[in-house]
Protein backbone atom coordinates (compact mmCIF):
# COMPACT_ATOMS: atom_id res chain seq x y z
CA MET A 1 15.92 9.68 -45.06
CA GLY A 2 18.94 7.45 -44.33
CA GLU A 3 16.82 4.81 -42.61
CA GLY A 4 16.13 1.36 -43.95
CA LEU A 5 12.73 -0.07 -44.70
CA GLU A 6 10.77 -2.11 -42.15
CA ASP A 7 10.67 -5.84 -42.85
CA ILE A 8 7.32 -7.46 -43.50
CA LEU A 9 7.85 -10.90 -42.03
CA ALA A 10 6.13 -13.64 -40.08
CA GLU A 11 7.26 -17.10 -39.09
CA HIS A 12 7.00 -20.07 -41.45
CA LEU A 13 6.07 -18.21 -44.63
CA ALA A 14 6.28 -20.01 -47.95
CA VAL A 15 8.55 -17.35 -49.48
CA ILE A 16 10.50 -14.36 -48.23
CA PHE A 17 11.34 -12.09 -51.14
CA CYS A 18 14.68 -10.47 -50.48
CA GLY A 19 15.63 -7.26 -52.23
CA ILE A 20 19.21 -6.07 -52.44
CA ASN A 21 18.44 -2.86 -50.51
CA PRO A 22 15.66 -0.26 -50.45
CA GLY A 23 15.44 2.28 -53.22
CA MET A 24 15.23 5.94 -52.28
CA THR A 25 11.53 6.20 -53.17
CA ALA A 26 10.63 3.07 -51.20
CA ALA A 27 12.55 4.31 -48.14
CA ALA A 28 11.02 7.80 -48.37
CA GLN A 29 7.48 6.41 -48.68
CA GLY A 30 8.03 3.60 -46.18
CA HIS A 31 6.78 0.91 -48.57
CA HIS A 32 8.59 -1.86 -50.41
CA PHE A 33 8.99 -1.58 -54.19
CA ALA A 34 7.32 1.84 -54.27
CA GLY A 35 9.32 3.21 -57.19
CA ARG A 36 7.18 4.03 -60.22
CA GLY A 37 9.26 1.88 -62.54
CA ASN A 38 9.50 -1.11 -60.24
CA ARG A 39 7.71 -4.16 -61.64
CA PHE A 40 7.65 -6.26 -58.45
CA TRP A 41 3.95 -5.98 -57.59
CA ARG A 42 2.78 -6.47 -61.18
CA THR A 43 5.10 -9.45 -61.62
CA LEU A 44 3.95 -11.03 -58.36
CA HIS A 45 0.33 -10.78 -59.42
CA LEU A 46 0.86 -12.01 -62.98
CA ALA A 47 2.92 -14.95 -61.68
CA GLY A 48 -0.03 -15.97 -59.47
CA PHE A 49 1.22 -15.05 -55.98
CA THR A 50 -1.61 -12.54 -55.44
CA PRO A 51 -5.17 -12.50 -56.84
CA GLN A 52 -4.86 -8.82 -57.78
CA GLU A 53 -1.98 -6.39 -58.13
CA VAL A 54 -1.05 -5.07 -54.68
CA ARG A 55 -0.25 -1.38 -54.41
CA ALA A 56 3.04 -0.55 -52.67
CA GLU A 57 1.20 1.32 -49.91
CA ASN A 58 -0.59 -1.96 -49.11
CA ASP A 59 2.66 -3.96 -49.00
CA ARG A 60 1.80 -5.51 -45.60
CA THR A 61 -1.03 -7.48 -47.24
CA ILE A 62 1.63 -9.75 -48.77
CA LEU A 63 1.56 -11.69 -45.50
CA GLN A 64 -1.98 -12.86 -46.39
CA TYR A 65 -0.43 -14.76 -49.30
CA ARG A 66 2.21 -16.50 -47.10
CA CYS A 67 4.97 -14.26 -48.45
CA GLY A 68 7.22 -11.71 -46.78
CA LEU A 69 9.63 -8.92 -47.70
CA THR A 70 13.09 -7.92 -46.55
CA ALA A 71 16.40 -6.64 -47.93
CA VAL A 72 19.98 -7.79 -47.39
CA VAL A 73 21.40 -4.29 -46.87
CA GLU A 74 19.26 -1.75 -45.02
CA ARG A 75 20.84 1.42 -46.44
CA PRO A 76 18.71 3.00 -49.18
CA THR A 77 20.41 4.01 -52.42
CA ALA A 78 19.29 5.30 -55.79
CA ARG A 79 20.94 2.30 -57.47
CA ALA A 80 22.03 -1.07 -56.10
CA ASP A 81 25.50 -0.63 -57.62
CA GLN A 82 26.10 2.15 -55.07
CA LEU A 83 26.54 -0.53 -52.38
CA SER A 84 29.99 -1.83 -51.54
CA PHE A 85 30.95 -5.48 -51.21
CA HIS A 86 31.78 -4.67 -47.57
CA GLU A 87 28.14 -3.68 -46.93
CA PHE A 88 26.99 -7.14 -48.04
CA THR A 89 29.59 -8.95 -45.95
CA ALA A 90 28.83 -6.74 -42.93
CA ALA A 91 25.12 -7.60 -43.22
CA ALA A 92 25.60 -11.34 -43.85
CA ALA A 93 25.48 -12.78 -40.31
CA ALA A 94 22.47 -10.74 -39.16
CA PHE A 95 20.64 -11.46 -42.41
CA GLU A 96 21.20 -15.22 -42.09
CA GLN A 97 20.01 -15.09 -38.47
CA LYS A 98 16.84 -13.32 -39.64
CA ILE A 99 16.11 -16.03 -42.22
CA THR A 100 16.81 -18.76 -39.65
CA ARG A 101 14.53 -17.08 -37.11
CA TYR A 102 11.56 -16.69 -39.48
CA ALA A 103 12.09 -20.12 -41.10
CA PRO A 104 10.53 -19.62 -44.55
CA ARG A 105 10.37 -22.52 -46.96
CA PHE A 106 12.15 -20.40 -49.61
CA VAL A 107 14.23 -17.23 -49.55
CA ALA A 108 14.07 -15.60 -52.97
CA PHE A 109 16.92 -13.23 -53.78
CA LEU A 110 15.88 -10.57 -56.29
CA GLY A 111 18.97 -10.36 -58.43
CA LYS A 112 22.25 -12.26 -58.28
CA ALA A 113 24.44 -9.61 -56.59
CA ALA A 114 23.32 -10.09 -52.99
CA TYR A 115 23.29 -13.88 -53.13
CA CYS A 116 26.72 -14.01 -54.79
CA ALA A 117 28.12 -11.76 -52.07
CA LEU A 118 26.52 -13.77 -49.25
CA SER A 119 27.39 -17.19 -50.66
CA GLY A 120 30.92 -16.30 -51.75
CA GLN A 121 30.21 -17.50 -55.28
CA ARG A 122 31.29 -15.47 -58.29
CA ASP A 123 28.34 -16.51 -60.40
CA VAL A 124 25.10 -18.36 -59.78
CA ALA A 125 22.37 -19.66 -62.05
CA TRP A 126 18.82 -18.36 -61.99
CA GLY A 127 16.31 -20.43 -60.05
CA LEU A 128 16.75 -23.00 -57.30
CA GLN A 129 20.23 -23.13 -55.76
CA PRO A 130 21.95 -26.31 -54.52
CA LYS A 131 22.64 -24.95 -51.02
CA THR A 132 20.25 -23.65 -48.37
CA PHE A 133 20.58 -20.32 -46.58
CA GLY A 134 19.45 -20.09 -42.97
CA HIS A 135 17.85 -23.53 -43.46
CA ALA A 136 15.64 -22.18 -46.29
CA ALA A 137 15.80 -23.29 -49.90
CA VAL A 138 17.30 -20.52 -52.04
CA TRP A 139 15.80 -19.25 -55.28
CA VAL A 140 17.46 -16.52 -57.34
CA LEU A 141 15.11 -14.36 -59.40
CA PRO A 142 15.74 -11.48 -61.79
CA ASN A 143 15.51 -8.10 -60.09
CA PRO A 144 12.17 -6.43 -60.96
CA SER A 145 13.66 -2.93 -60.95
CA GLY A 146 12.69 -0.80 -63.91
CA ARG A 147 16.44 -0.27 -64.39
CA ASN A 148 16.86 -3.99 -65.14
CA LEU A 149 16.36 -3.85 -68.88
CA ALA A 150 17.77 -7.35 -69.40
CA PHE A 151 14.37 -8.87 -68.56
CA THR A 152 10.98 -8.10 -70.06
CA LEU A 153 7.87 -8.25 -67.91
CA ASP A 154 6.97 -11.60 -69.51
CA GLN A 155 10.40 -13.02 -68.65
CA LEU A 156 10.08 -11.81 -65.06
CA VAL A 157 6.61 -13.34 -64.74
CA GLU A 158 7.83 -16.70 -66.06
CA ALA A 159 10.79 -16.76 -63.65
CA TYR A 160 8.60 -15.86 -60.67
CA ARG A 161 5.94 -18.35 -61.75
CA GLN A 162 8.51 -21.17 -61.49
CA LEU A 163 9.07 -20.24 -57.82
CA LYS A 164 5.34 -20.05 -57.20
CA LEU A 165 4.90 -23.57 -58.58
CA ALA A 166 7.81 -24.92 -56.51
CA SER A 167 6.52 -23.22 -53.34
CA GLY A 168 3.16 -24.97 -53.48
CA LEU A 169 1.25 -21.70 -53.17
């Protein structure tokens, strides 16, 4: 396909969840986190962001829960490690302008890679970060990709639940 994935955003959301970039399945289907192994929608529900598990094809309904979706890099890849550092730095200014324009309370980076590249830090802790990004508080969450074997579903849910509690949703 070669095209990115359309953002699902509105002004003044509680949280904008920010993926690294679209996966090939998500880009081909035109829906965020559409890959069979992706645990995003299940995690979101179990952490309390949604009353039921949203199906990827209904991804736009996330706005009803004061949450939005975007990605730092628009180019779809099979794996996030196929992106270059240059792609993150090239996307940085436009991405920060997007966050500033939509003014969420939190921007939640799904995985450390994108936030490290954008912030210029070599390593960051999970959770709330000391600096804002585009005037939004920054939260770094484990990536829900099925390829991320370092985190069980229960660990993902607990990490996302901490953001839900902090967001006041």
